[in-house]
Amino acid sequence: MFLKRPEIADLVVDALRRGAVNRLYELAAFVVMSNHVHVLLRPIENLTRILQLLKGATARQANEVLGRTGESFWQRESYDHWVRNQDEFGRILAYIENNPMKAGLVAEAAQYRWSSAWIATAN
């Protein structure tokens, strides 16, 4: 549940946004929940490389904040799915951005600070 800590969630959001700025992928949606992260992206670089960079950088930073050394931060596996069409894209995007509402954390998606819905309204 380390992702529940604001400073850890912030560094994950920063890393996701940095990857988009650095043209590793086009970032469509994301949400950082207390024990998992959902991301909808269109890879520009190799997906394995993207995950290595994201997980590696955020694990080092998070473990530093937590005062941990030599411990894994992320689980080894991840679930990926190729989006087949625009309808599916819309459903997945809504699922991701509405995840904090479904969990009862906020009344509206845009109120959740660690999500693309919040970023969209803050800019």
PDB file of N, CA and C in Angstrom:
ATOM      1  N   MET A   1       0.822  -1.206   0.000  1.00  0.00           N
ATOM      2  CA  MET A   1       0.000   0.000   0.000  1.00  0.00           C
ATOM      3  C   MET A   1       0.865   1.269   0.000  1.00  0.00           C
ATOM      4  N   PHE A   2       2.121   1.130  -0.432  1.00  0.00           N
ATOM      5  CA  PHE A   2       3.019   2.283  -0.462  1.00  0.00           C
ATOM      6  C   PHE A   2       2.514   3.394  -1.375  1.00  0.00           C
ATOM      7  N   LEU A   3       1.773   3.025  -2.411  1.00  0.00           N
ATOM      8  CA  LEU A   3       1.279   4.023  -3.357  1.00  0.00           C
ATOM      9  C   LEU A   3       0.245   4.948  -2.726  1.00  0.00           C
ATOM     10  N   LYS A   4      -0.216   4.598  -1.538  1.00  0.00           N
ATOM     11  CA  LYS A   4      -1.178   5.430  -0.812  1.00  0.00           C
ATOM     12  C   LYS A   4      -0.511   6.690  -0.259  1.00  0.00           C
ATOM     13  N   ARG A   5       0.797   6.641  -0.126  1.00  0.00           N
ATOM     14  CA  ARG A   5       1.542   7.793   0.388  1.00  0.00           C
ATOM     15  C   ARG A   5       1.662   8.850  -0.711  1.00  0.00           C
ATOM     16  N   PRO A   6       1.253  10.077  -0.447  1.00  0.00           N
ATOM     17  CA  PRO A   6       1.265  11.119  -1.478  1.00  0.00           C
ATOM     18  C   PRO A   6       2.612  11.304  -2.171  1.00  0.00           C
ATOM     19  N   GLU A   7       3.698  11.258  -1.418  1.00  0.00           N
ATOM     20  CA  GLU A   7       5.002  11.474  -2.040  1.00  0.00           C
ATOM     21  C   GLU A   7       5.381  10.339  -2.999  1.00  0.00           C
ATOM     22  N   ILE A   8       4.909   9.136  -2.730  1.00  0.00           N
ATOM     23  CA  ILE A   8       5.163   8.007  -3.625  1.00  0.00           C
ATOM     24  C   ILE A   8       4.249   8.117  -4.850  1.00  0.00           C
ATOM     25  N   ALA A   9       2.973   8.389  -4.634  1.00  0.00           N
ATOM     26  CA  ALA A   9       2.045   8.550  -5.758  1.00  0.00           C
ATOM     27  C   ALA A   9       2.509   9.685  -6.672  1.00  0.00           C
ATOM     28  N   ASP A  10       2.990  10.778  -6.078  1.00  0.00           N
ATOM     29  CA  ASP A  10       3.476  11.908  -6.873  1.00  0.00           C
ATOM     30  C   ASP A  10       4.646  11.505  -7.767  1.00  0.00           C
ATOM     31  N   LEU A  11       5.567  10.725  -7.248  1.00  0.00           N
ATOM     32  CA  LEU A  11       6.727  10.364  -8.074  1.00  0.00           C
ATOM     33  C   LEU A  11       6.334   9.424  -9.212  1.00  0.00           C
ATOM     34  N   VAL A  12       5.318   8.589  -8.997  1.00  0.00           N
ATOM     35  CA  VAL A  12       4.818   7.730 -10.074  1.00  0.00           C
ATOM     36  C   VAL A  12       4.145   8.583 -11.160  1.00  0.00           C
ATOM     37  N   VAL A  13       3.316   9.532 -10.740  1.00  0.00           N
ATOM     38  CA  VAL A  13       2.671  10.429 -11.710  1.00  0.00           C
ATOM     39  C   VAL A  13       3.729  11.203 -12.497  1.00  0.00           C
ATOM     40  N   ASP A  14       4.728  11.729 -11.804  1.00  0.00           N
ATOM     41  CA  ASP A  14       5.794  12.473 -12.478  1.00  0.00           C
ATOM     42  C   ASP A  14       6.506  11.603 -13.508  1.00  0.00           C
ATOM     43  N   ALA A  15       6.784  10.357 -13.150  1.00  0.00           N
ATOM     44  CA  ALA A  15       7.472   9.441 -14.077  1.00  0.00           C
ATOM     45  C   ALA A  15       6.597   9.144 -15.294  1.00  0.00           C
ATOM     46  N   LEU A  16       5.307   8.935 -15.077  1.00  0.00           N
ATOM     47  CA  LEU A  16       4.402   8.681 -16.202  1.00  0.00           C
ATOM     48  C   LEU A  16       4.363   9.875 -17.154  1.00  0.00           C
ATOM     49  N   ARG A  17       4.264  11.051 -16.608  1.00  0.00           N
ATOM     50  CA  ARG A  17       4.226  12.259 -17.441  1.00  0.00           C
ATOM     51  C   ARG A  17       5.558  12.488 -18.156  1.00  0.00           C
ATOM     52  N   ARG A  18       6.658  12.229 -17.474  1.00  0.00           N
ATOM     53  CA  ARG A  18       7.990  12.388 -18.067  1.00  0.00           C
ATOM     54  C   ARG A  18       8.184  11.443 -19.258  1.00  0.00           C
ATOM     55  N   GLY A  19       7.680  10.223 -19.146  1.00  0.00           N
ATOM     56  CA  GLY A  19       7.786   9.269 -20.249  1.00  0.00           C
ATOM     57  C   GLY A  19       7.058   9.755 -21.489  1.00  0.00           C
ATOM     58  N   ALA A  20       5.932  10.425 -21.288  1.00  0.00           N
ATOM     59  CA  ALA A  20       5.192  10.985 -22.421  1.00  0.00           C
ATOM     60  C   ALA A  20       5.949  12.167 -23.022  1.00  0.00           C
ATOM     61  N   VAL A  21       6.482  13.032 -22.167  1.00  0.00           N
ATOM     62  CA  VAL A  21       7.257  14.182 -22.645  1.00  0.00           C
ATOM     63  C   VAL A  21       8.488  13.717 -23.423  1.00  0.00           C
ATOM     64  N   ASN A  22       9.098  12.648 -22.970  1.00  0.00           N
ATOM     65  CA  ASN A  22      10.297  12.105 -23.620  1.00  0.00           C
ATOM     66  C   ASN A  22       9.976  11.220 -24.823  1.00  0.00           C
ATOM     67  N   ARG A  23       8.698  11.187 -25.194  1.00  0.00           N
ATOM     68  CA  ARG A  23       8.230  10.475 -26.390  1.00  0.00           C
ATOM     69  C   ARG A  23       8.504   8.967 -26.348  1.00  0.00           C
ATOM     70  N   LEU A  24       8.374   8.376 -25.157  1.00  0.00           N
ATOM     71  CA  LEU A  24       8.416   6.917 -25.054  1.00  0.00           C
ATOM     72  C   LEU A  24       7.053   6.342 -25.417  1.00  0.00           C
ATOM     73  N   TYR A  25       6.000   7.136 -25.174  1.00  0.00           N
ATOM     74  CA  TYR A  25       4.627   6.724 -25.427  1.00  0.00           C
ATOM     75  C   TYR A  25       3.734   7.950 -25.444  1.00  0.00           C
ATOM     76  N   GLU A  26       2.526   7.748 -25.959  1.00  0.00           N
ATOM     77  CA  GLU A  26       1.460   8.741 -25.840  1.00  0.00           C
ATOM     78  C   GLU A  26       0.604   8.298 -24.654  1.00  0.00           C
ATOM     79  N   LEU A  27       0.503   9.151 -23.676  1.00  0.00           N
ATOM     80  CA  LEU A  27      -0.219   8.826 -22.450  1.00  0.00           C
ATOM     81  C   LEU A  27      -1.671   9.281 -22.570  1.00  0.00           C
ATOM     82  N   ALA A  28      -2.586   8.335 -22.545  1.00  0.00           N
ATOM     83  CA  ALA A  28      -4.009   8.650 -22.684  1.00  0.00           C
ATOM     84  C   ALA A  28      -4.702   8.782 -21.330  1.00  0.00           C
ATOM     85  N   ALA A  29      -4.399   7.892 -20.399  1.00  0.00           N
ATOM     86  CA  ALA A  29      -5.052   7.917 -19.087  1.00  0.00           C
ATOM     87  C   ALA A  29      -4.209   7.142 -18.088  1.00  0.00           C
ATOM     88  N   PHE A  30      -4.344   7.526 -16.821  1.00  0.00           N
ATOM     89  CA  PHE A  30      -3.677   6.781 -15.750  1.00  0.00           C
ATOM     90  C   PHE A  30      -4.379   7.074 -14.434  1.00  0.00           C
ATOM     91  N   VAL A  31      -4.155   6.187 -13.485  1.00  0.00           N
ATOM     92  CA  VAL A  31      -4.577   6.418 -12.107  1.00  0.00           C
ATOM     93  C   VAL A  31      -3.630   5.623 -11.209  1.00  0.00           C
ATOM     94  N   VAL A  32      -3.188   6.258 -10.147  1.00  0.00           N
ATOM     95  CA  VAL A  32      -2.350   5.609  -9.142  1.00  0.00           C
ATOM     96  C   VAL A  32      -3.238   5.358  -7.935  1.00  0.00           C
ATOM     97  N   MET A  33      -3.551   4.103  -7.693  1.00  0.00           N
ATOM     98  CA  MET A  33      -4.375   3.716  -6.550  1.00  0.00           C
ATOM     99  C   MET A  33      -3.451   3.307  -5.398  1.00  0.00           C
ATOM    100  N   SER A  34      -4.004   2.899  -4.289  1.00  0.00           N
ATOM    101  CA  SER A  34      -3.181   2.597  -3.109  1.00  0.00           C
ATOM    102  C   SER A  34      -2.269   1.391  -3.291  1.00  0.00           C
ATOM    103  N   ASN A  35      -2.671   0.439  -4.142  1.00  0.00           N
ATOM    104  CA  ASN A  35      -1.844  -0.765  -4.301  1.00  0.00           C
ATOM    105  C   ASN A  35      -1.666  -1.192  -5.753  1.00  0.00           C
ATOM    106  N   HIS A  36      -2.034  -0.333  -6.700  1.00  0.00           N
ATOM    107  CA  HIS A  36      -1.829  -0.654  -8.110  1.00  0.00           C
ATOM    108  C   HIS A  36      -1.936   0.604  -8.957  1.00  0.00           C
ATOM    109  N   VAL A  37      -1.511   0.472 -10.193  1.00  0.00           N
ATOM    110  CA  VAL A  37      -1.544   1.594 -11.138  1.00  0.00           C
ATOM    111  C   VAL A  37      -2.183   1.093 -12.426  1.00  0.00           C
ATOM    112  N   HIS A  38      -3.073   1.898 -12.998  1.00  0.00           N
ATOM    113  CA  HIS A  38      -3.625   1.635 -14.326  1.00  0.00           C
ATOM    114  C   HIS A  38      -3.075   2.689 -15.272  1.00  0.00           C
ATOM    115  N   VAL A  39      -2.664   2.250 -16.457  1.00  0.00           N
ATOM    116  CA  VAL A  39      -2.141   3.178 -17.457  1.00  0.00           C
ATOM    117  C   VAL A  39      -2.677   2.773 -18.827  1.00  0.00           C
ATOM    118  N   LEU A  40      -3.149   3.752 -19.576  1.00  0.00           N
ATOM    119  CA  LEU A  40      -3.559   3.553 -20.959  1.00  0.00           C
ATOM    120  C   LEU A  40      -2.607   4.392 -21.803  1.00  0.00           C
ATOM    121  N   LEU A  41      -1.814   3.725 -22.603  1.00  0.00           N
ATOM    122  CA  LEU A  41      -0.817   4.424 -23.409  1.00  0.00           C
ATOM    123  C   LEU A  41      -0.676   3.788 -24.775  1.00  0.00           C
ATOM    124  N   ARG A  42      -0.125   4.571 -25.689  1.00  0.00           N
ATOM    125  CA  ARG A  42       0.225   4.072 -27.019  1.00  0.00           C
ATOM    126  C   ARG A  42       1.739   4.079 -27.093  1.00  0.00           C
ATOM    127  N   PRO A  43       2.368   2.897 -27.090  1.00  0.00           N
ATOM    128  CA  PRO A  43       3.829   2.866 -27.073  1.00  0.00           C
ATOM    129  C   PRO A  43       4.429   3.432 -28.354  1.00  0.00           C
ATOM    130  N   ILE A  44       5.482   4.195 -28.185  1.00  0.00           N
ATOM    131  CA  ILE A  44       6.302   4.646 -29.299  1.00  0.00           C
ATOM    132  C   ILE A  44       7.591   3.826 -29.286  1.00  0.00           C
ATOM    133  N   GLU A  45       8.138   3.632 -28.110  1.00  0.00           N
ATOM    134  CA  GLU A  45       9.295   2.759 -27.910  1.00  0.00           C
ATOM    135  C   GLU A  45       8.795   1.347 -27.583  1.00  0.00           C
ATOM    136  N   ASN A  46       9.707   0.422 -27.449  1.00  0.00           N
ATOM    137  CA  ASN A  46       9.412  -0.958 -27.085  1.00  0.00           C
ATOM    138  C   ASN A  46       8.739  -1.005 -25.708  1.00  0.00           C
ATOM    139  N   LEU A  47       7.621  -1.725 -25.600  1.00  0.00           N
ATOM    140  CA  LEU A  47       6.862  -1.775 -24.353  1.00  0.00           C
ATOM    141  C   LEU A  47       7.682  -2.343 -23.194  1.00  0.00           C
ATOM    142  N   THR A  48       8.478  -3.359 -23.451  1.00  0.00           N
ATOM    143  CA  THR A  48       9.322  -3.928 -22.391  1.00  0.00           C
ATOM    144  C   THR A  48      10.280  -2.869 -21.857  1.00  0.00           C
ATOM    145  N   ARG A  49      10.860  -2.100 -22.745  1.00  0.00           N
ATOM    146  CA  ARG A  49      11.776  -1.025 -22.337  1.00  0.00           C
ATOM    147  C   ARG A  49      11.029   0.039 -21.534  1.00  0.00           C
ATOM    148  N   ILE A  50       9.835   0.393 -21.973  1.00  0.00           N
ATOM    149  CA  ILE A  50       9.032   1.390 -21.258  1.00  0.00           C
ATOM    150  C   ILE A  50       8.781   0.933 -19.822  1.00  0.00           C
ATOM    151  N   LEU A  51       8.350  -0.310 -19.662  1.00  0.00           N
ATOM    152  CA  LEU A  51       8.068  -0.822 -18.319  1.00  0.00           C
ATOM    153  C   LEU A  51       9.332  -0.885 -17.467  1.00  0.00           C
ATOM    154  N   GLN A  52      10.443  -1.281 -18.064  1.00  0.00           N
ATOM    155  CA  GLN A  52      11.709  -1.314 -17.320  1.00  0.00           C
ATOM    156  C   GLN A  52      12.090   0.074 -16.833  1.00  0.00           C
ATOM    157  N   LEU A  53      11.972   1.059 -17.709  1.00  0.00           N
ATOM    158  CA  LEU A  53      12.321   2.427 -17.325  1.00  0.00           C
ATOM    159  C   LEU A  53      11.387   2.957 -16.237  1.00  0.00           C
ATOM    160  N   LEU A  54      10.083   2.774 -16.431  1.00  0.00           N
ATOM    161  CA  LEU A  54       9.119   3.266 -15.441  1.00  0.00           C
ATOM    162  C   LEU A  54       9.284   2.572 -14.091  1.00  0.00           C
ATOM    163  N   LYS A  55       9.316   1.260 -14.132  1.00  0.00           N
ATOM    164  CA  LYS A  55       9.412   0.510 -12.876  1.00  0.00           C
ATOM    165  C   LYS A  55      10.764   0.728 -12.201  1.00  0.00           C
ATOM    166  N   GLY A  56      11.834   0.758 -12.998  1.00  0.00           N
ATOM    167  CA  GLY A  56      13.170   0.947 -12.426  1.00  0.00           C
ATOM    168  C   GLY A  56      13.317   2.292 -11.739  1.00  0.00           C
ATOM    169  N   ALA A  57      12.959   3.357 -12.441  1.00  0.00           N
ATOM    170  CA  ALA A  57      13.109   4.706 -11.887  1.00  0.00           C
ATOM    171  C   ALA A  57      12.223   4.909 -10.663  1.00  0.00           C
ATOM    172  N   THR A  58      10.969   4.499 -10.762  1.00  0.00           N
ATOM    173  CA  THR A  58      10.055   4.721  -9.640  1.00  0.00           C
ATOM    174  C   THR A  58      10.402   3.834  -8.447  1.00  0.00           C
ATOM    175  N   ALA A  59      10.879   2.628  -8.689  1.00  0.00           N
ATOM    176  CA  ALA A  59      11.270   1.744  -7.581  1.00  0.00           C
ATOM    177  C   ALA A  59      12.442   2.341  -6.810  1.00  0.00           C
ATOM    178  N   ARG A  60      13.438   2.833  -7.532  1.00  0.00           N
ATOM    179  CA  ARG A  60      14.597   3.449  -6.861  1.00  0.00           C
ATOM    180  C   ARG A  60      14.159   4.649  -6.025  1.00  0.00           C
ATOM    181  N   GLN A  61      13.358   5.518  -6.628  1.00  0.00           N
ATOM    182  CA  GLN A  61      12.909   6.717  -5.919  1.00  0.00           C
ATOM    183  C   GLN A  61      12.030   6.367  -4.720  1.00  0.00           C
ATOM    184  N   ALA A  62      11.098   5.475  -4.914  1.00  0.00           N
ATOM    185  CA  ALA A  62      10.187   5.097  -3.831  1.00  0.00           C
ATOM    186  C   ALA A  62      10.947   4.436  -2.687  1.00  0.00           C
ATOM    187  N   ASN A  63      11.841   3.528  -3.015  1.00  0.00           N
ATOM    188  CA  ASN A  63      12.609   2.859  -1.960  1.00  0.00           C
ATOM    189  C   ASN A  63      13.498   3.849  -1.211  1.00  0.00           C
ATOM    190  N   GLU A  64      13.990   4.863  -1.898  1.00  0.00           N
ATOM    191  CA  GLU A  64      14.774   5.902  -1.226  1.00  0.00           C
ATOM    192  C   GLU A  64      13.897   6.672  -0.239  1.00  0.00           C
ATOM    193  N   VAL A  65      12.714   7.061  -0.679  1.00  0.00           N
ATOM    194  CA  VAL A  65      11.773   7.773   0.204  1.00  0.00           C
ATOM    195  C   VAL A  65      11.414   6.907   1.405  1.00  0.00           C
ATOM    196  N   LEU A  66      11.228   5.612   1.168  1.00  0.00           N
ATOM    197  CA  LEU A  66      10.818   4.687   2.223  1.00  0.00           C
ATOM    198  C   LEU A  66      11.970   4.200   3.093  1.00  0.00           C
ATOM    199  N   GLY A  67      13.208   4.541   2.706  1.00  0.00           N
ATOM    200  CA  GLY A  67      14.369   4.087   3.468  1.00  0.00           C
ATOM    201  C   GLY A  67      14.614   2.600   3.325  1.00  0.00           C
ATOM    202  N   ARG A  68      14.266   2.039   2.173  1.00  0.00           N
ATOM    203  CA  ARG A  68      14.441   0.600   1.927  1.00  0.00           C
ATOM    204  C   ARG A  68      15.585   0.386   0.946  1.00  0.00           C
ATOM    205  N   THR A  69      16.325  -0.673   1.148  1.00  0.00           N
ATOM    206  CA  THR A  69      17.374  -1.054   0.200  1.00  0.00           C
ATOM    207  C   THR A  69      17.282  -2.546  -0.072  1.00  0.00           C
ATOM    208  N   GLY A  70      17.566  -2.917  -1.317  1.00  0.00           N
ATOM    209  CA  GLY A  70      17.591  -4.324  -1.689  1.00  0.00           C
ATOM    210  C   GLY A  70      16.240  -5.013  -1.704  1.00  0.00           C
ATOM    211  N   GLU A  71      15.159  -4.253  -1.712  1.00  0.00           N
ATOM    212  CA  GLU A  71      13.825  -4.847  -1.725  1.00  0.00           C
ATOM    213  C   GLU A  71      13.096  -4.454  -3.003  1.00  0.00           C
ATOM    214  N   SER A  72      12.321  -5.388  -3.531  1.00  0.00           N
ATOM    215  CA  SER A  72      11.511  -5.089  -4.713  1.00  0.00           C
ATOM    216  C   SER A  72      10.396  -4.133  -4.320  1.00  0.00           C
ATOM    217  N   PHE A  73      10.092  -3.238  -5.222  1.00  0.00           N
ATOM    218  CA  PHE A  73       8.971  -2.332  -4.991  1.00  0.00           C
ATOM    219  C   PHE A  73       7.755  -2.792  -5.783  1.00  0.00           C
ATOM    220  N   TRP A  74       7.949  -3.088  -7.065  1.00  0.00           N
ATOM    221  CA  TRP A  74       6.875  -3.515  -7.952  1.00  0.00           C
ATOM    222  C   TRP A  74       6.825  -5.022  -8.044  1.00  0.00           C
ATOM    223  N   GLN A  75       5.654  -5.571  -8.282  1.00  0.00           N
ATOM    224  CA  GLN A  75       5.539  -6.994  -8.582  1.00  0.00           C
ATOM    225  C   GLN A  75       6.162  -7.250  -9.949  1.00  0.00           C
ATOM    226  N   ARG A  76       6.638  -8.445 -10.159  1.00  0.00           N
ATOM    227  CA  ARG A  76       7.287  -8.780 -11.433  1.00  0.00           C
ATOM    228  C   ARG A  76       6.328  -8.700 -12.615  1.00  0.00           C
ATOM    229  N   GLU A  77       5.145  -9.210 -12.439  1.00  0.00           N
ATOM    230  CA  GLU A  77       4.224  -9.279 -13.574  1.00  0.00           C
ATOM    231  C   GLU A  77       3.475  -7.973 -13.763  1.00  0.00           C
ATOM    232  N   SER A  78       3.015  -7.811 -14.956  1.00  0.00           N
ATOM    233  CA  SER A  78       2.106  -6.715 -15.265  1.00  0.00           C
ATOM    234  C   SER A  78       1.115  -7.260 -16.292  1.00  0.00           C
ATOM    235  N   TYR A  79       0.008  -6.624 -16.398  1.00  0.00           N
ATOM    236  CA  TYR A  79      -1.020  -7.060 -17.324  1.00  0.00           C
ATOM    237  C   TYR A  79      -1.098  -6.045 -18.443  1.00  0.00           C
ATOM    238  N   ASP A  80      -0.924  -6.508 -19.662  1.00  0.00           N
ATOM    239  CA  ASP A  80      -1.104  -5.594 -20.777  1.00  0.00           C
ATOM    240  C   ASP A  80      -2.159  -6.139 -21.720  1.00  0.00           C
ATOM    241  N   HIS A  81      -2.757  -5.222 -22.449  1.00  0.00           N
ATOM    242  CA  HIS A  81      -3.854  -5.567 -23.343  1.00  0.00           C
ATOM    243  C   HIS A  81      -3.822  -4.601 -24.519  1.00  0.00           C
ATOM    244  N   TRP A  82      -3.877  -5.118 -25.716  1.00  0.00           N
ATOM    245  CA  TRP A  82      -3.926  -4.269 -26.896  1.00  0.00           C
ATOM    246  C   TRP A  82      -5.357  -3.812 -27.117  1.00  0.00           C
ATOM    247  N   VAL A  83      -5.542  -2.521 -27.251  1.00  0.00           N
ATOM    248  CA  VAL A  83      -6.870  -1.945 -27.499  1.00  0.00           C
ATOM    249  C   VAL A  83      -7.184  -2.126 -28.976  1.00  0.00           C
ATOM    250  N   ARG A  84      -8.327  -2.707 -29.258  1.00  0.00           N
ATOM    251  CA  ARG A  84      -8.673  -3.090 -30.627  1.00  0.00           C
ATOM    252  C   ARG A  84      -9.394  -2.016 -31.439  1.00  0.00           C
ATOM    253  N   ASN A  85     -10.157  -1.133 -30.754  1.00  0.00           N
ATOM    254  CA  ASN A  85     -10.909  -0.132 -31.503  1.00  0.00           C
ATOM    255  C   ASN A  85     -11.237   1.053 -30.593  1.00  0.00           C
ATOM    256  N   GLN A  86     -11.847   2.058 -31.171  1.00  0.00           N
ATOM    257  CA  GLN A  86     -12.144   3.290 -30.444  1.00  0.00           C
ATOM    258  C   GLN A  86     -13.147   3.084 -29.317  1.00  0.00           C
ATOM    259  N   ASP A  87     -14.132   2.213 -29.511  1.00  0.00           N
ATOM    260  CA  ASP A  87     -15.096   1.932 -28.444  1.00  0.00           C
ATOM    261  C   ASP A  87     -14.408   1.322 -27.231  1.00  0.00           C
ATOM    262  N   GLU A  88     -13.542   0.356 -27.481  1.00  0.00           N
ATOM    263  CA  GLU A  88     -12.812  -0.282 -26.390  1.00  0.00           C
ATOM    264  C   GLU A  88     -11.905   0.734 -25.693  1.00  0.00           C
ATOM    265  N   PHE A  89     -11.258   1.593 -26.480  1.00  0.00           N
ATOM    266  CA  PHE A  89     -10.414   2.645 -25.930  1.00  0.00           C
ATOM    267  C   PHE A  89     -11.222   3.515 -24.957  1.00  0.00           C
ATOM    268  N   GLY A  90     -12.403   3.922 -25.364  1.00  0.00           N
ATOM    269  CA  GLY A  90     -13.261   4.750 -24.520  1.00  0.00           C
ATOM    270  C   GLY A  90     -13.676   4.050 -23.236  1.00  0.00           C
ATOM    271  N   ARG A  91     -14.008   2.766 -23.338  1.00  0.00           N
ATOM    272  CA  ARG A  91     -14.395   1.996 -22.142  1.00  0.00           C
ATOM    273  C   ARG A  91     -13.223   1.883 -21.162  1.00  0.00           C
ATOM    274  N   ILE A  92     -12.035   1.606 -21.696  1.00  0.00           N
ATOM    275  CA  ILE A  92     -10.856   1.447 -20.835  1.00  0.00           C
ATOM    276  C   ILE A  92     -10.497   2.776 -20.187  1.00  0.00           C
ATOM    277  N   LEU A  93     -10.533   3.847 -20.954  1.00  0.00           N
ATOM    278  CA  LEU A  93     -10.222   5.165 -20.414  1.00  0.00           C
ATOM    279  C   LEU A  93     -11.188   5.513 -19.280  1.00  0.00           C
ATOM    280  N   ALA A  94     -12.472   5.286 -19.494  1.00  0.00           N
ATOM    281  CA  ALA A  94     -13.473   5.567 -18.458  1.00  0.00           C
ATOM    282  C   ALA A  94     -13.245   4.684 -17.230  1.00  0.00           C
ATOM    283  N   TYR A  95     -12.933   3.415 -17.435  1.00  0.00           N
ATOM    284  CA  TYR A  95     -12.668   2.510 -16.316  1.00  0.00           C
ATOM    285  C   TYR A  95     -11.501   3.041 -15.475  1.00  0.00           C
ATOM    286  N   ILE A  96     -10.426   3.434 -16.140  1.00  0.00           N
ATOM    287  CA  ILE A  96      -9.241   3.919 -15.430  1.00  0.00           C
ATOM    288  C   ILE A  96      -9.572   5.187 -14.648  1.00  0.00           C
ATOM    289  N   GLU A  97     -10.138   6.173 -15.321  1.00  0.00           N
ATOM    290  CA  GLU A  97     -10.370   7.451 -14.658  1.00  0.00           C
ATOM    291  C   GLU A  97     -11.470   7.379 -13.596  1.00  0.00           C
ATOM    292  N   ASN A  98     -12.392   6.431 -13.718  1.00  0.00           N
ATOM    293  CA  ASN A  98     -13.453   6.294 -12.729  1.00  0.00           C
ATOM    294  C   ASN A  98     -13.097   5.345 -11.584  1.00  0.00           C
ATOM    295  N   ASN A  99     -11.932   4.729 -11.641  1.00  0.00           N
ATOM    296  CA  ASN A  99     -11.514   3.775 -10.614  1.00  0.00           C
ATOM    297  C   ASN A  99     -11.566   4.369  -9.200  1.00  0.00           C
ATOM    298  N   PRO A 100     -11.090   5.595  -8.968  1.00  0.00           N
ATOM    299  CA  PRO A 100     -11.179   6.158  -7.613  1.00  0.00           C
ATOM    300  C   PRO A 100     -12.616   6.377  -7.144  1.00  0.00           C
ATOM    301  N   MET A 101     -13.530   6.690  -8.061  1.00  0.00           N
ATOM    302  CA  MET A 101     -14.949   6.829  -7.690  1.00  0.00           C
ATOM    303  C   MET A 101     -15.517   5.477  -7.294  1.00  0.00           C
ATOM    304  N   LYS A 102     -15.210   4.463  -8.090  1.00  0.00           N
ATOM    305  CA  LYS A 102     -15.707   3.116  -7.797  1.00  0.00           C
ATOM    306  C   LYS A 102     -15.206   2.628  -6.434  1.00  0.00           C
ATOM    307  N   ALA A 103     -13.986   3.046  -6.079  1.00  0.00           N
ATOM    308  CA  ALA A 103     -13.409   2.664  -4.791  1.00  0.00           C
ATOM    309  C   ALA A 103     -13.932   3.524  -3.640  1.00  0.00           C
ATOM    310  N   GLY A 104     -14.773   4.519  -3.956  1.00  0.00           N
ATOM    311  CA  GLY A 104     -15.358   5.365  -2.922  1.00  0.00           C
ATOM    312  C   GLY A 104     -14.418   6.435  -2.389  1.00  0.00           C
ATOM    313  N   LEU A 105     -13.373   6.753  -3.136  1.00  0.00           N
ATOM    314  CA  LEU A 105     -12.391   7.731  -2.674  1.00  0.00           C
ATOM    315  C   LEU A 105     -12.788   9.172  -2.985  1.00  0.00           C
ATOM    316  N   VAL A 106     -13.555   9.368  -4.043  1.00  0.00           N
ATOM    317  CA  VAL A 106     -13.994  10.702  -4.462  1.00  0.00           C
ATOM    318  C   VAL A 106     -15.397  10.611  -5.062  1.00  0.00           C
ATOM    319  N   ALA A 107     -16.054  11.752  -5.151  1.00  0.00           N
ATOM    320  CA  ALA A 107     -17.388  11.786  -5.757  1.00  0.00           C
ATOM    321  C   ALA A 107     -17.315  11.942  -7.270  1.00  0.00           C
ATOM    322  N   GLU A 108     -16.246  12.584  -7.756  1.00  0.00           N
ATOM    323  CA  GLU A 108     -16.050  12.789  -9.192  1.00  0.00           C
ATOM    324  C   GLU A 108     -14.614  12.441  -9.551  1.00  0.00           C
ATOM    325  N   ALA A 109     -14.422  11.887 -10.732  1.00  0.00           N
ATOM    326  CA  ALA A 109     -13.087  11.450 -11.162  1.00  0.00           C
ATOM    327  C   ALA A 109     -12.065  12.575 -11.096  1.00  0.00           C
ATOM    328  N   ALA A 110     -12.438  13.773 -11.476  1.00  0.00           N
ATOM    329  CA  ALA A 110     -11.513  14.907 -11.522  1.00  0.00           C
ATOM    330  C   ALA A 110     -11.036  15.346 -10.139  1.00  0.00           C
ATOM    331  N   GLN A 111     -11.625  14.820  -9.078  1.00  0.00           N
ATOM    332  CA  GLN A 111     -11.214  15.172  -7.717  1.00  0.00           C
ATOM    333  C   GLN A 111     -10.037  14.343  -7.229  1.00  0.00           C
ATOM    334  N   TYR A 112      -9.689  13.293  -7.947  1.00  0.00           N
ATOM    335  CA  TYR A 112      -8.613  12.398  -7.498  1.00  0.00           C
ATOM    336  C   TYR A 112      -7.279  12.880  -8.050  1.00  0.00           C
ATOM    337  N   ARG A 113      -6.426  13.313  -7.173  1.00  0.00           N
ATOM    338  CA  ARG A 113      -5.172  13.993  -7.523  1.00  0.00           C
ATOM    339  C   ARG A 113      -4.215  13.154  -8.362  1.00  0.00           C
ATOM    340  N   TRP A 114      -4.213  11.864  -8.200  1.00  0.00           N
ATOM    341  CA  TRP A 114      -3.218  11.022  -8.874  1.00  0.00           C
ATOM    342  C   TRP A 114      -3.823  10.317 -10.079  1.00  0.00           C
ATOM    343  N   SER A 115      -4.456  11.115 -10.938  1.00  0.00           N
ATOM    344  CA  SER A 115      -5.080  10.560 -12.135  1.00  0.00           C
ATOM    345  C   SER A 115      -5.031  11.552 -13.275  1.00  0.00           C
ATOM    346  N   SER A 116      -5.192  11.017 -14.458  1.00  0.00           N
ATOM    347  CA  SER A 116      -5.242  11.857 -15.655  1.00  0.00           C
ATOM    348  C   SER A 116      -6.485  12.736 -15.627  1.00  0.00           C
ATOM    349  N   ALA A 117      -7.552  12.312 -14.991  1.00  0.00           N
ATOM    350  CA  ALA A 117      -8.765  13.134 -14.893  1.00  0.00           C
ATOM    351  C   ALA A 117      -8.484  14.402 -14.112  1.00  0.00           C
ATOM    352  N   TRP A 118      -7.722  14.297 -13.041  1.00  0.00           N
ATOM    353  CA  TRP A 118      -7.364  15.467 -12.232  1.00  0.00           C
ATOM    354  C   TRP A 118      -6.407  16.364 -13.010  1.00  0.00           C
ATOM    355  N   ILE A 119      -5.441  15.787 -13.658  1.00  0.00           N
ATOM    356  CA  ILE A 119      -4.451  16.553 -14.441  1.00  0.00           C
ATOM    357  C   ILE A 119      -5.179  17.366 -15.512  1.00  0.00           C
ATOM    358  N   ALA A 120      -6.151  16.757 -16.175  1.00  0.00           N
ATOM    359  CA  ALA A 120      -6.874  17.428 -17.256  1.00  0.00           C
ATOM    360  C   ALA A 120      -7.603  18.668 -16.746  1.00  0.00           C
ATOM    361  N   THR A 121      -8.123  18.631 -15.530  1.00  0.00           N
ATOM    362  CA  THR A 121      -8.838  19.784 -15.005  1.00  0.00           C
ATOM    363  C   THR A 121      -7.911  20.804 -14.367  1.00  0.00           C
ATOM    364  N   ALA A 122      -6.713  20.364 -13.967  1.00  0.00           N
ATOM    365  CA  ALA A 122      -5.756  21.265 -13.318  1.00  0.00           C
ATOM    366  C   ALA A 122      -5.013  22.130 -14.330  1.00  0.00           C
ATOM    367  N   ASN A 123      -4.966  21.694 -15.590  1.00  0.00           N
ATOM    368  CA  ASN A 123      -4.214  22.445 -16.605  1.00  0.00           C
ATOM    369  C   ASN A 123      -5.070  23.435 -17.341  1.00  0.00           C
TER     370      ASN A 123
END
